[in-house]
Amino acid sequence: MDDSVVIGIYRHGITTDNERKAFSGWTNSVLSEQGKKELSAIKSHLPAYEKVIASDLSRCQDTAAILFSNKDIDLWPEFREMNFGLWEGKVHDELKHMKEYAAWVNDPFTSPLPNGEHFSEFHERINRAWQKWLDYMERHGIKKGAIVTHGGVIRHLLTQFAPEQKSFWEWPSKNGQGYELSGSLEKLRRGERCTSLQAVPSMGKNSG
């Protein structure tokens, strides 16, 4: 039996916090006017999906509502960005004097975030969410689904499941754009890598 599936993973549009380069993990930052404009411009270039889910944060809800306006969007809090704790809403210049911040910038994968989420906790949460999504696809017979989520989530999933092995920061994750992973559902459930990957929407050289 053919168990091939296609999964789109999209980053939310540009937010007001993105524009001022602030940390907004679990902060409910909103799409900027530029973000809304860019999303509206690409929506007609996107593939069709049987099911779309999104992080429950408003920037993902609003992005999904623009890009997939003909779909009922289910909200999955498990696909939130990393929680940046005390650094939520702050910019680099407000934090650069802190030793904890310098340590985290130097090694974000092992250094703790004050009152936030350690990378290992983030890693485990996203892996559980991914398995839950794959189970959902199998249970409902979905062959083509999409997730509207965050840059860190997308980089983590690509590090784990893309055909080509790259480090976390090597994967581009542009606002309002994403990737489609294709492969065997059963192999993905076993933690194996997908068989093919392409940037979406495929409109030009910056489509990643």
N, C-alpha and C. Protein backbone atom coordinates (compact mmCIF):
# COMPACT_ATOMS: atom_id res chain seq x y z
N MET A 1 0.83 -1.19 0.00
CA MET A 1 0.00 0.00 0.00
C MET A 1 0.88 1.25 0.00
N ASP A 2 0.51 2.23 -0.85
CA ASP A 2 1.27 3.47 -0.92
C ASP A 2 0.93 4.35 0.28
N ASP A 3 1.94 4.63 1.11
CA ASP A 3 1.69 5.48 2.28
C ASP A 3 2.42 6.82 2.15
N SER A 4 2.65 7.26 0.90
CA SER A 4 3.35 8.52 0.67
C SER A 4 2.51 9.70 1.15
N VAL A 5 3.17 10.65 1.80
CA VAL A 5 2.50 11.86 2.27
C VAL A 5 3.35 13.08 1.91
N VAL A 6 2.68 14.23 1.86
CA VAL A 6 3.35 15.52 1.66
C VAL A 6 2.94 16.42 2.82
N ILE A 7 3.93 17.03 3.46
CA ILE A 7 3.67 17.90 4.60
C ILE A 7 4.32 19.26 4.35
N GLY A 8 3.50 20.30 4.30
CA GLY A 8 4.01 21.66 4.19
C GLY A 8 4.25 22.24 5.57
N ILE A 9 5.39 22.89 5.76
CA ILE A 9 5.67 23.58 7.02
C ILE A 9 5.98 25.04 6.69
N TYR A 10 5.12 25.94 7.16
CA TYR A 10 5.20 27.35 6.81
C TYR A 10 5.47 28.21 8.03
N ARG A 11 6.33 29.22 7.84
CA ARG A 11 6.55 30.19 8.92
C ARG A 11 5.53 31.31 8.80
N HIS A 12 5.10 31.81 9.95
CA HIS A 12 4.18 32.94 9.97
C HIS A 12 4.76 34.16 9.25
N GLY A 13 3.89 35.09 8.89
CA GLY A 13 4.32 36.32 8.24
C GLY A 13 5.10 37.24 9.18
N ILE A 14 5.65 38.30 8.63
CA ILE A 14 6.43 39.26 9.40
C ILE A 14 5.55 39.92 10.46
N THR A 15 6.08 40.00 11.68
CA THR A 15 5.36 40.62 12.78
C THR A 15 6.00 41.96 13.16
N THR A 16 5.29 42.70 14.01
CA THR A 16 5.85 43.95 14.51
C THR A 16 7.10 43.68 15.35
N ASP A 17 7.13 42.55 16.07
CA ASP A 17 8.32 42.19 16.83
C ASP A 17 9.47 41.79 15.91
N ASN A 18 9.18 41.10 14.81
CA ASN A 18 10.22 40.79 13.83
C ASN A 18 10.86 42.08 13.30
N GLU A 19 10.03 43.06 13.05
CA GLU A 19 10.54 44.31 12.47
C GLU A 19 11.46 45.04 13.43
N ARG A 20 11.23 44.91 14.74
CA ARG A 20 12.13 45.57 15.68
C ARG A 20 13.17 44.60 16.26
N LYS A 21 13.20 43.37 15.67
CA LYS A 21 14.20 42.36 16.03
C LYS A 21 14.14 41.98 17.51
N ALA A 22 12.93 41.80 18.01
CA ALA A 22 12.72 41.41 19.40
C ALA A 22 12.50 39.91 19.51
N PHE A 23 12.85 39.34 20.67
CA PHE A 23 12.56 37.95 20.94
C PHE A 23 11.05 37.79 21.19
N SER A 24 10.42 36.95 20.41
CA SER A 24 8.99 36.70 20.64
C SER A 24 8.72 35.22 20.44
N GLY A 25 9.00 34.45 21.48
CA GLY A 25 8.72 33.03 21.45
C GLY A 25 7.24 32.78 21.70
N TRP A 26 6.84 32.89 22.97
CA TRP A 26 5.44 32.71 23.33
C TRP A 26 4.68 34.04 23.42
N THR A 27 5.37 35.15 23.16
CA THR A 27 4.70 36.45 23.13
C THR A 27 3.73 36.49 21.97
N ASN A 28 2.54 37.02 22.20
CA ASN A 28 1.52 37.05 21.15
C ASN A 28 1.70 38.28 20.25
N SER A 29 2.82 38.34 19.55
CA SER A 29 3.07 39.45 18.64
C SER A 29 2.15 39.33 17.43
N VAL A 30 1.90 40.46 16.78
CA VAL A 30 0.91 40.50 15.69
C VAL A 30 1.59 40.73 14.35
N LEU A 31 0.92 40.31 13.28
CA LEU A 31 1.44 40.56 11.95
C LEU A 31 1.51 42.06 11.68
N SER A 32 2.59 42.48 11.04
CA SER A 32 2.70 43.87 10.63
C SER A 32 1.93 44.08 9.33
N GLU A 33 1.73 45.32 8.94
CA GLU A 33 1.05 45.60 7.67
C GLU A 33 1.84 45.04 6.50
N GLN A 34 3.19 45.13 6.58
CA GLN A 34 4.02 44.55 5.53
C GLN A 34 3.86 43.04 5.50
N GLY A 35 3.78 42.43 6.69
CA GLY A 35 3.59 40.99 6.75
C GLY A 35 2.29 40.56 6.10
N LYS A 36 1.21 41.26 6.39
CA LYS A 36 -0.09 40.93 5.79
C LYS A 36 -0.06 41.10 4.28
N LYS A 37 0.59 42.15 3.83
CA LYS A 37 0.68 42.42 2.38
C LYS A 37 1.43 41.31 1.66
N GLU A 38 2.56 40.88 2.23
CA GLU A 38 3.36 39.82 1.59
C GLU A 38 2.60 38.49 1.57
N LEU A 39 1.89 38.18 2.64
CA LEU A 39 1.12 36.94 2.67
C LEU A 39 0.03 36.95 1.61
N SER A 40 -0.66 38.05 1.49
CA SER A 40 -1.73 38.16 0.49
C SER A 40 -1.19 37.99 -0.92
N ALA A 41 0.06 38.42 -1.13
CA ALA A 41 0.65 38.35 -2.47
C ALA A 41 1.04 36.93 -2.87
N ILE A 42 1.32 36.06 -1.89
CA ILE A 42 1.78 34.71 -2.24
C ILE A 42 0.70 33.64 -2.14
N LYS A 43 -0.44 33.96 -1.52
CA LYS A 43 -1.42 32.90 -1.22
C LYS A 43 -1.88 32.15 -2.46
N SER A 44 -1.98 32.81 -3.60
CA SER A 44 -2.45 32.14 -4.82
C SER A 44 -1.39 31.22 -5.41
N HIS A 45 -0.16 31.29 -4.90
CA HIS A 45 0.93 30.46 -5.42
C HIS A 45 1.16 29.19 -4.59
N LEU A 46 0.34 29.00 -3.57
CA LEU A 46 0.56 27.86 -2.67
C LEU A 46 -0.19 26.62 -3.14
N PRO A 47 0.34 25.43 -2.81
CA PRO A 47 -0.36 24.18 -3.12
C PRO A 47 -1.64 24.07 -2.28
N ALA A 48 -2.50 23.17 -2.68
CA ALA A 48 -3.72 22.89 -1.91
C ALA A 48 -3.43 21.78 -0.90
N TYR A 49 -4.10 21.84 0.26
CA TYR A 49 -3.93 20.85 1.31
C TYR A 49 -5.28 20.35 1.79
N GLU A 50 -5.29 19.10 2.22
CA GLU A 50 -6.51 18.53 2.78
C GLU A 50 -6.78 19.05 4.18
N LYS A 51 -5.72 19.28 4.94
CA LYS A 51 -5.86 19.72 6.33
C LYS A 51 -4.73 20.70 6.68
N VAL A 52 -5.08 21.75 7.41
CA VAL A 52 -4.09 22.74 7.86
C VAL A 52 -4.24 22.92 9.36
N ILE A 53 -3.11 22.86 10.07
CA ILE A 53 -3.09 23.17 11.50
C ILE A 53 -2.11 24.31 11.72
N ALA A 54 -2.19 24.95 12.90
CA ALA A 54 -1.31 26.09 13.18
C ALA A 54 -1.00 26.16 14.66
N SER A 55 0.15 26.73 14.98
CA SER A 55 0.43 27.13 16.36
C SER A 55 -0.71 28.03 16.82
N ASP A 56 -1.01 27.98 18.12
CA ASP A 56 -2.14 28.76 18.63
C ASP A 56 -1.82 30.24 18.83
N LEU A 57 -0.57 30.65 18.63
CA LEU A 57 -0.23 32.06 18.78
C LEU A 57 -0.80 32.87 17.61
N SER A 58 -1.20 34.10 17.89
CA SER A 58 -2.00 34.86 16.93
C SER A 58 -1.29 35.07 15.59
N ARG A 59 0.03 35.19 15.59
CA ARG A 59 0.73 35.42 14.32
C ARG A 59 0.60 34.22 13.38
N CYS A 60 0.51 33.02 13.95
CA CYS A 60 0.30 31.83 13.13
C CYS A 60 -1.17 31.66 12.75
N GLN A 61 -2.06 31.92 13.70
CA GLN A 61 -3.49 31.87 13.38
C GLN A 61 -3.82 32.82 12.23
N ASP A 62 -3.31 34.06 12.33
CA ASP A 62 -3.63 35.07 11.32
C ASP A 62 -2.97 34.75 9.98
N THR A 63 -1.77 34.19 10.02
CA THR A 63 -1.10 33.77 8.79
C THR A 63 -1.89 32.67 8.10
N ALA A 64 -2.30 31.67 8.87
CA ALA A 64 -3.07 30.56 8.30
C ALA A 64 -4.39 31.06 7.72
N ALA A 65 -5.02 32.02 8.39
CA ALA A 65 -6.30 32.56 7.91
C ALA A 65 -6.14 33.28 6.58
N ILE A 66 -4.98 33.91 6.36
CA ILE A 66 -4.73 34.60 5.09
C ILE A 66 -4.34 33.60 4.01
N LEU A 67 -3.39 32.72 4.31
CA LEU A 67 -2.87 31.81 3.29
C LEU A 67 -3.87 30.72 2.91
N PHE A 68 -4.66 30.27 3.88
CA PHE A 68 -5.57 29.14 3.65
C PHE A 68 -6.98 29.53 4.09
N SER A 69 -7.48 30.59 3.50
CA SER A 69 -8.75 31.17 3.92
C SER A 69 -9.95 30.25 3.69
N ASN A 70 -9.77 29.23 2.85
CA ASN A 70 -10.87 28.30 2.57
C ASN A 70 -10.86 27.08 3.49
N LYS A 71 -9.99 27.08 4.50
CA LYS A 71 -9.86 25.93 5.39
C LYS A 71 -10.24 26.28 6.82
N ASP A 72 -10.78 25.30 7.53
CA ASP A 72 -10.92 25.41 8.98
C ASP A 72 -9.58 25.03 9.60
N ILE A 73 -9.03 25.94 10.37
CA ILE A 73 -7.68 25.74 10.92
C ILE A 73 -7.79 25.24 12.36
N ASP A 74 -7.16 24.09 12.64
CA ASP A 74 -7.07 23.59 14.02
C ASP A 74 -5.82 24.17 14.66
N LEU A 75 -5.91 24.55 15.93
CA LEU A 75 -4.80 25.17 16.64
C LEU A 75 -4.12 24.16 17.56
N TRP A 76 -2.82 24.02 17.39
CA TRP A 76 -2.02 23.08 18.17
C TRP A 76 -0.95 23.85 18.94
N PRO A 77 -1.13 24.08 20.24
CA PRO A 77 -0.14 24.81 21.03
C PRO A 77 1.24 24.14 21.02
N GLU A 78 1.27 22.83 20.77
CA GLU A 78 2.55 22.10 20.77
C GLU A 78 3.54 22.63 19.73
N PHE A 79 3.02 23.30 18.70
CA PHE A 79 3.89 23.81 17.64
C PHE A 79 4.29 25.26 17.85
N ARG A 80 4.23 25.73 19.11
CA ARG A 80 4.72 27.07 19.42
C ARG A 80 6.24 27.15 19.25
N GLU A 81 6.73 28.39 19.11
CA GLU A 81 8.16 28.66 19.12
C GLU A 81 8.73 28.36 20.50
N MET A 82 10.04 28.36 20.63
CA MET A 82 10.68 28.22 21.93
C MET A 82 10.25 29.36 22.85
N ASN A 83 10.09 29.07 24.13
CA ASN A 83 9.77 30.08 25.13
C ASN A 83 11.08 30.73 25.59
N PHE A 84 11.21 32.06 25.33
CA PHE A 84 12.44 32.77 25.66
C PHE A 84 12.45 33.35 27.08
N GLY A 85 11.45 33.01 27.87
CA GLY A 85 11.47 33.38 29.28
C GLY A 85 11.56 34.88 29.52
N LEU A 86 12.53 35.30 30.36
CA LEU A 86 12.68 36.71 30.74
C LEU A 86 13.08 37.58 29.56
N TRP A 87 13.51 36.96 28.47
CA TRP A 87 13.95 37.75 27.32
C TRP A 87 12.83 38.03 26.31
N GLU A 88 11.65 37.51 26.60
CA GLU A 88 10.52 37.74 25.69
C GLU A 88 10.26 39.25 25.52
N GLY A 89 10.13 39.68 24.28
CA GLY A 89 9.82 41.06 23.97
C GLY A 89 11.01 42.00 23.98
N LYS A 90 12.18 41.50 24.37
CA LYS A 90 13.36 42.35 24.46
C LYS A 90 14.23 42.22 23.21
N VAL A 91 15.07 43.22 22.98
CA VAL A 91 15.99 43.23 21.85
C VAL A 91 17.42 43.07 22.35
N HIS A 92 18.33 42.82 21.43
CA HIS A 92 19.72 42.54 21.76
C HIS A 92 20.34 43.60 22.68
N ASP A 93 20.11 44.88 22.37
CA ASP A 93 20.74 45.95 23.15
C ASP A 93 20.29 45.97 24.60
N GLU A 94 19.11 45.42 24.88
CA GLU A 94 18.62 45.37 26.25
C GLU A 94 19.22 44.20 27.04
N LEU A 95 19.83 43.26 26.34
CA LEU A 95 20.30 42.03 26.98
C LEU A 95 21.82 41.84 26.92
N LYS A 96 22.48 42.58 26.07
CA LYS A 96 23.90 42.29 25.77
C LYS A 96 24.82 42.42 26.98
N HIS A 97 24.40 43.11 28.02
CA HIS A 97 25.23 43.27 29.22
C HIS A 97 25.14 42.08 30.16
N MET A 98 24.21 41.14 29.90
CA MET A 98 23.97 40.02 30.81
C MET A 98 24.87 38.83 30.48
N LYS A 99 25.49 38.25 31.51
CA LYS A 99 26.35 37.08 31.31
C LYS A 99 25.55 35.89 30.77
N GLU A 100 24.32 35.71 31.29
CA GLU A 100 23.50 34.59 30.85
C GLU A 100 23.16 34.70 29.37
N TYR A 101 22.95 35.93 28.93
CA TYR A 101 22.62 36.16 27.51
C TYR A 101 23.84 35.87 26.64
N ALA A 102 25.00 36.34 27.06
CA ALA A 102 26.23 36.09 26.30
C ALA A 102 26.50 34.60 26.18
N ALA A 103 26.27 33.86 27.28
CA ALA A 103 26.48 32.40 27.26
C ALA A 103 25.51 31.74 26.31
N TRP A 104 24.26 32.20 26.31
CA TRP A 104 23.25 31.60 25.43
C TRP A 104 23.55 31.90 23.97
N VAL A 105 23.95 33.11 23.65
CA VAL A 105 24.29 33.48 22.28
C VAL A 105 25.46 32.62 21.80
N ASN A 106 26.42 32.38 22.68
CA ASN A 106 27.59 31.58 22.32
C ASN A 106 27.23 30.11 22.10
N ASP A 107 26.26 29.59 22.88
CA ASP A 107 25.85 28.19 22.74
C ASP A 107 24.39 28.04 23.15
N PRO A 108 23.46 28.34 22.22
CA PRO A 108 22.03 28.29 22.55
C PRO A 108 21.49 26.88 22.77
N PHE A 109 22.26 25.87 22.42
CA PHE A 109 21.77 24.50 22.52
C PHE A 109 22.00 23.87 23.89
N THR A 110 22.92 24.42 24.68
CA THR A 110 23.18 23.87 26.00
C THR A 110 23.00 24.88 27.13
N SER A 111 22.98 26.16 26.81
CA SER A 111 22.85 27.19 27.85
C SER A 111 21.38 27.41 28.20
N PRO A 112 21.09 27.61 29.50
CA PRO A 112 19.69 27.79 29.91
C PRO A 112 19.17 29.18 29.58
N LEU A 113 17.85 29.29 29.43
CA LEU A 113 17.16 30.56 29.28
C LEU A 113 16.46 30.87 30.61
N PRO A 114 16.74 32.00 31.23
CA PRO A 114 16.10 32.31 32.52
C PRO A 114 14.58 32.30 32.41
N ASN A 115 13.95 31.43 33.19
CA ASN A 115 12.49 31.26 33.19
C ASN A 115 11.94 30.83 31.82
N GLY A 116 12.81 30.33 30.98
CA GLY A 116 12.38 29.93 29.64
C GLY A 116 12.54 28.44 29.41
N GLU A 117 12.59 28.07 28.15
CA GLU A 117 12.62 26.68 27.74
C GLU A 117 14.03 26.30 27.30
N HIS A 118 14.60 25.27 27.91
CA HIS A 118 15.89 24.77 27.45
C HIS A 118 15.72 24.15 26.07
N PHE A 119 16.76 24.20 25.25
CA PHE A 119 16.63 23.66 23.90
C PHE A 119 16.23 22.19 23.92
N SER A 120 16.71 21.43 24.88
CA SER A 120 16.35 20.01 24.94
C SER A 120 14.85 19.84 25.18
N GLU A 121 14.25 20.72 25.98
CA GLU A 121 12.81 20.67 26.22
C GLU A 121 12.05 21.03 24.94
N PHE A 122 12.52 22.07 24.25
CA PHE A 122 11.93 22.46 22.97
C PHE A 122 12.01 21.32 21.97
N HIS A 123 13.17 20.70 21.87
CA HIS A 123 13.41 19.57 20.98
C HIS A 123 12.41 18.45 21.25
N GLU A 124 12.25 18.09 22.51
CA GLU A 124 11.34 17.00 22.86
C GLU A 124 9.89 17.36 22.58
N ARG A 125 9.52 18.61 22.86
CA ARG A 125 8.14 19.04 22.62
C ARG A 125 7.79 18.99 21.14
N ILE A 126 8.69 19.47 20.30
CA ILE A 126 8.41 19.48 18.85
C ILE A 126 8.40 18.06 18.30
N ASN A 127 9.27 17.21 18.78
CA ASN A 127 9.25 15.82 18.32
C ASN A 127 7.95 15.12 18.69
N ARG A 128 7.44 15.39 19.91
CA ARG A 128 6.14 14.82 20.30
C ARG A 128 5.02 15.36 19.43
N ALA A 129 5.06 16.66 19.15
CA ALA A 129 4.03 17.28 18.30
C ALA A 129 4.05 16.69 16.90
N TRP A 130 5.25 16.47 16.38
CA TRP A 130 5.40 15.90 15.04
C TRP A 130 4.82 14.49 14.98
N GLN A 131 5.11 13.68 15.99
CA GLN A 131 4.56 12.32 16.03
C GLN A 131 3.04 12.36 16.15
N LYS A 132 2.52 13.29 16.95
CA LYS A 132 1.06 13.43 17.08
C LYS A 132 0.44 13.80 15.73
N TRP A 133 1.10 14.68 14.99
CA TRP A 133 0.61 15.09 13.67
C TRP A 133 0.62 13.91 12.69
N LEU A 134 1.70 13.14 12.69
CA LEU A 134 1.78 11.98 11.81
C LEU A 134 0.69 10.96 12.16
N ASP A 135 0.46 10.75 13.45
CA ASP A 135 -0.62 9.85 13.87
C ASP A 135 -1.97 10.38 13.40
N TYR A 136 -2.16 11.69 13.49
CA TYR A 136 -3.41 12.32 13.04
C TYR A 136 -3.61 12.10 11.54
N MET A 137 -2.53 12.28 10.77
CA MET A 137 -2.62 12.08 9.32
C MET A 137 -3.03 10.66 9.00
N GLU A 138 -2.44 9.69 9.69
CA GLU A 138 -2.78 8.28 9.43
C GLU A 138 -4.23 8.00 9.83
N ARG A 139 -4.62 8.48 10.98
CA ARG A 139 -5.96 8.19 11.50
C ARG A 139 -7.06 8.76 10.59
N HIS A 140 -6.77 9.92 9.99
CA HIS A 140 -7.77 10.59 9.15
C HIS A 140 -7.53 10.40 7.66
N GLY A 141 -6.55 9.59 7.31
CA GLY A 141 -6.28 9.30 5.90
C GLY A 141 -5.83 10.51 5.11
N ILE A 142 -5.08 11.41 5.75
CA ILE A 142 -4.64 12.64 5.08
C ILE A 142 -3.34 12.36 4.33
N LYS A 143 -3.33 12.71 3.07
CA LYS A 143 -2.15 12.52 2.23
C LYS A 143 -1.34 13.80 2.06
N LYS A 144 -1.99 14.94 2.25
CA LYS A 144 -1.31 16.21 2.06
C LYS A 144 -1.82 17.22 3.09
N GLY A 145 -0.96 17.56 4.05
CA GLY A 145 -1.34 18.48 5.11
C GLY A 145 -0.29 19.55 5.32
N ALA A 146 -0.67 20.60 6.05
CA ALA A 146 0.26 21.70 6.28
C ALA A 146 0.21 22.17 7.72
N ILE A 147 1.35 22.69 8.18
CA ILE A 147 1.50 23.24 9.52
C ILE A 147 2.00 24.67 9.39
N VAL A 148 1.31 25.62 10.02
CA VAL A 148 1.78 27.00 10.07
C VAL A 148 2.38 27.22 11.45
N THR A 149 3.67 27.51 11.49
CA THR A 149 4.39 27.50 12.76
C THR A 149 5.46 28.59 12.77
N HIS A 150 6.60 28.32 13.40
CA HIS A 150 7.61 29.33 13.68
C HIS A 150 8.97 28.92 13.13
N GLY A 151 9.86 29.90 13.02
CA GLY A 151 11.17 29.65 12.43
C GLY A 151 11.97 28.59 13.15
N GLY A 152 12.01 28.62 14.48
CA GLY A 152 12.77 27.63 15.22
C GLY A 152 12.21 26.23 15.06
N VAL A 153 10.90 26.13 15.01
CA VAL A 153 10.25 24.83 14.81
C VAL A 153 10.62 24.26 13.46
N ILE A 154 10.56 25.10 12.43
CA ILE A 154 10.88 24.64 11.06
C ILE A 154 12.33 24.20 10.97
N ARG A 155 13.23 24.99 11.52
CA ARG A 155 14.66 24.61 11.48
C ARG A 155 14.88 23.27 12.19
N HIS A 156 14.23 23.11 13.33
CA HIS A 156 14.39 21.86 14.06
C HIS A 156 13.88 20.67 13.25
N LEU A 157 12.69 20.81 12.65
CA LEU A 157 12.13 19.70 11.87
C LEU A 157 13.00 19.37 10.66
N LEU A 158 13.55 20.38 10.02
CA LEU A 158 14.41 20.12 8.87
C LEU A 158 15.72 19.47 9.30
N THR A 159 16.25 19.89 10.44
CA THR A 159 17.46 19.25 10.96
C THR A 159 17.24 17.76 11.19
N GLN A 160 16.04 17.43 11.67
CA GLN A 160 15.71 16.04 11.99
C GLN A 160 15.29 15.21 10.77
N PHE A 161 14.54 15.83 9.84
CA PHE A 161 13.84 15.01 8.84
C PHE A 161 14.11 15.34 7.38
N ALA A 162 14.86 16.39 7.08
CA ALA A 162 15.16 16.70 5.68
C ALA A 162 16.10 15.65 5.09
N PRO A 163 16.05 15.42 3.76
CA PRO A 163 16.93 14.43 3.15
C PRO A 163 18.40 14.78 3.30
N GLU A 164 18.70 16.08 3.25
CA GLU A 164 20.08 16.54 3.36
C GLU A 164 20.36 16.96 4.79
N GLN A 165 21.45 16.46 5.35
CA GLN A 165 21.79 16.80 6.73
C GLN A 165 22.48 18.15 6.80
N LYS A 166 21.87 19.09 7.53
CA LYS A 166 22.45 20.40 7.79
C LYS A 166 22.23 20.73 9.25
N SER A 167 23.03 21.65 9.76
CA SER A 167 22.85 22.08 11.14
C SER A 167 21.65 23.02 11.25
N PHE A 168 21.21 23.25 12.47
CA PHE A 168 20.03 24.07 12.76
C PHE A 168 20.06 25.41 12.04
N TRP A 169 21.18 26.13 12.16
CA TRP A 169 21.25 27.49 11.61
C TRP A 169 21.49 27.52 10.11
N GLU A 170 21.82 26.40 9.51
CA GLU A 170 22.03 26.37 8.05
C GLU A 170 20.72 26.38 7.27
N TRP A 171 19.62 26.09 7.94
CA TRP A 171 18.33 26.07 7.24
C TRP A 171 17.69 27.46 7.24
N PRO A 172 17.48 28.06 6.06
CA PRO A 172 16.76 29.34 6.02
C PRO A 172 15.31 29.13 6.41
N SER A 173 14.73 30.12 7.08
CA SER A 173 13.31 30.06 7.43
C SER A 173 12.74 31.47 7.31
N LYS A 174 12.30 31.82 6.12
CA LYS A 174 11.83 33.17 5.84
C LYS A 174 10.36 33.32 6.22
N ASN A 175 10.00 34.47 6.70
CA ASN A 175 8.61 34.74 7.06
C ASN A 175 7.68 34.53 5.88
N GLY A 176 6.56 33.82 6.13
CA GLY A 176 5.55 33.62 5.11
C GLY A 176 5.88 32.56 4.09
N GLN A 177 7.01 31.88 4.27
CA GLN A 177 7.41 30.85 3.32
C GLN A 177 7.74 29.57 4.06
N GLY A 178 8.04 28.52 3.31
CA GLY A 178 8.30 27.26 3.98
C GLY A 178 8.83 26.18 3.06
N TYR A 179 8.51 24.95 3.41
CA TYR A 179 9.01 23.78 2.70
C TYR A 179 7.92 22.72 2.64
N GLU A 180 8.03 21.86 1.65
CA GLU A 180 7.22 20.64 1.60
C GLU A 180 8.12 19.43 1.71
N LEU A 181 7.82 18.58 2.70
CA LEU A 181 8.53 17.32 2.87
C LEU A 181 7.66 16.20 2.32
N SER A 182 8.27 15.32 1.54
CA SER A 182 7.54 14.18 0.97
C SER A 182 8.24 12.89 1.36
N GLY A 183 7.44 11.88 1.68
CA GLY A 183 8.04 10.61 2.03
C GLY A 183 7.01 9.62 2.54
N SER A 184 7.49 8.49 3.01
CA SER A 184 6.65 7.44 3.55
C SER A 184 6.19 7.82 4.96
N LEU A 185 4.89 7.76 5.19
CA LEU A 185 4.37 8.08 6.52
C LEU A 185 4.95 7.16 7.57
N GLU A 186 5.01 5.88 7.29
CA GLU A 186 5.51 4.92 8.27
C GLU A 186 6.99 5.19 8.58
N LYS A 187 7.78 5.51 7.57
CA LYS A 187 9.20 5.79 7.81
C LYS A 187 9.38 7.08 8.61
N LEU A 188 8.56 8.09 8.31
CA LEU A 188 8.63 9.32 9.09
C LEU A 188 8.26 9.06 10.54
N ARG A 189 7.28 8.19 10.76
CA ARG A 189 6.88 7.85 12.13
C ARG A 189 8.00 7.12 12.87
N ARG A 190 8.84 6.43 12.13
CA ARG A 190 9.99 5.74 12.75
C ARG A 190 11.17 6.68 12.96
N GLY A 191 11.02 7.95 12.57
CA GLY A 191 12.09 8.92 12.76
C GLY A 191 13.05 9.00 11.59
N GLU A 192 12.72 8.35 10.47
CA GLU A 192 13.59 8.42 9.30
C GLU A 192 13.36 9.72 8.54
N ARG A 193 14.31 10.06 7.69
CA ARG A 193 14.23 11.30 6.93
C ARG A 193 13.27 11.17 5.75
N CYS A 194 12.74 12.32 5.30
CA CYS A 194 11.86 12.30 4.14
C CYS A 194 12.68 12.03 2.88
N THR A 195 12.01 11.73 1.77
CA THR A 195 12.72 11.40 0.53
C THR A 195 12.97 12.61 -0.35
N SER A 196 12.14 13.66 -0.21
CA SER A 196 12.36 14.86 -1.02
C SER A 196 11.89 16.09 -0.26
N LEU A 197 12.46 17.23 -0.64
CA LEU A 197 12.16 18.49 0.02
C LEU A 197 12.18 19.60 -1.02
N GLN A 198 11.18 20.48 -0.97
CA GLN A 198 11.21 21.63 -1.87
C GLN A 198 10.68 22.86 -1.15
N ALA A 199 11.22 24.02 -1.53
CA ALA A 199 10.77 25.27 -0.95
C ALA A 199 9.41 25.65 -1.53
N VAL A 200 8.56 26.26 -0.71
CA VAL A 200 7.26 26.75 -1.16
C VAL A 200 7.02 28.13 -0.55
N PRO A 201 6.40 29.05 -1.33
CA PRO A 201 6.02 28.88 -2.73
C PRO A 201 7.24 28.99 -3.65
N SER A 202 7.20 28.30 -4.78
CA SER A 202 8.33 28.31 -5.72
C SER A 202 8.15 29.45 -6.70
N MET A 203 8.38 30.68 -6.21
CA MET A 203 8.15 31.88 -7.01
C MET A 203 9.42 32.55 -7.48
N GLY A 204 10.54 32.15 -6.91
CA GLY A 204 11.78 32.85 -7.30
C GLY A 204 12.93 32.38 -6.45
N LYS A 205 14.06 33.09 -6.57
CA LYS A 205 15.29 32.62 -5.93
C LYS A 205 15.23 32.68 -4.41
N ASN A 206 14.34 33.48 -3.83
CA ASN A 206 14.25 33.59 -2.38
C ASN A 206 13.12 32.77 -1.81
N SER A 207 12.73 31.70 -2.51
CA SER A 207 11.57 30.94 -2.09
C SER A 207 11.81 30.07 -0.87
N GLY A 208 13.05 29.96 -0.35
CA GLY A 208 13.30 29.16 0.83
C GLY A 208 12.89 29.85 2.09
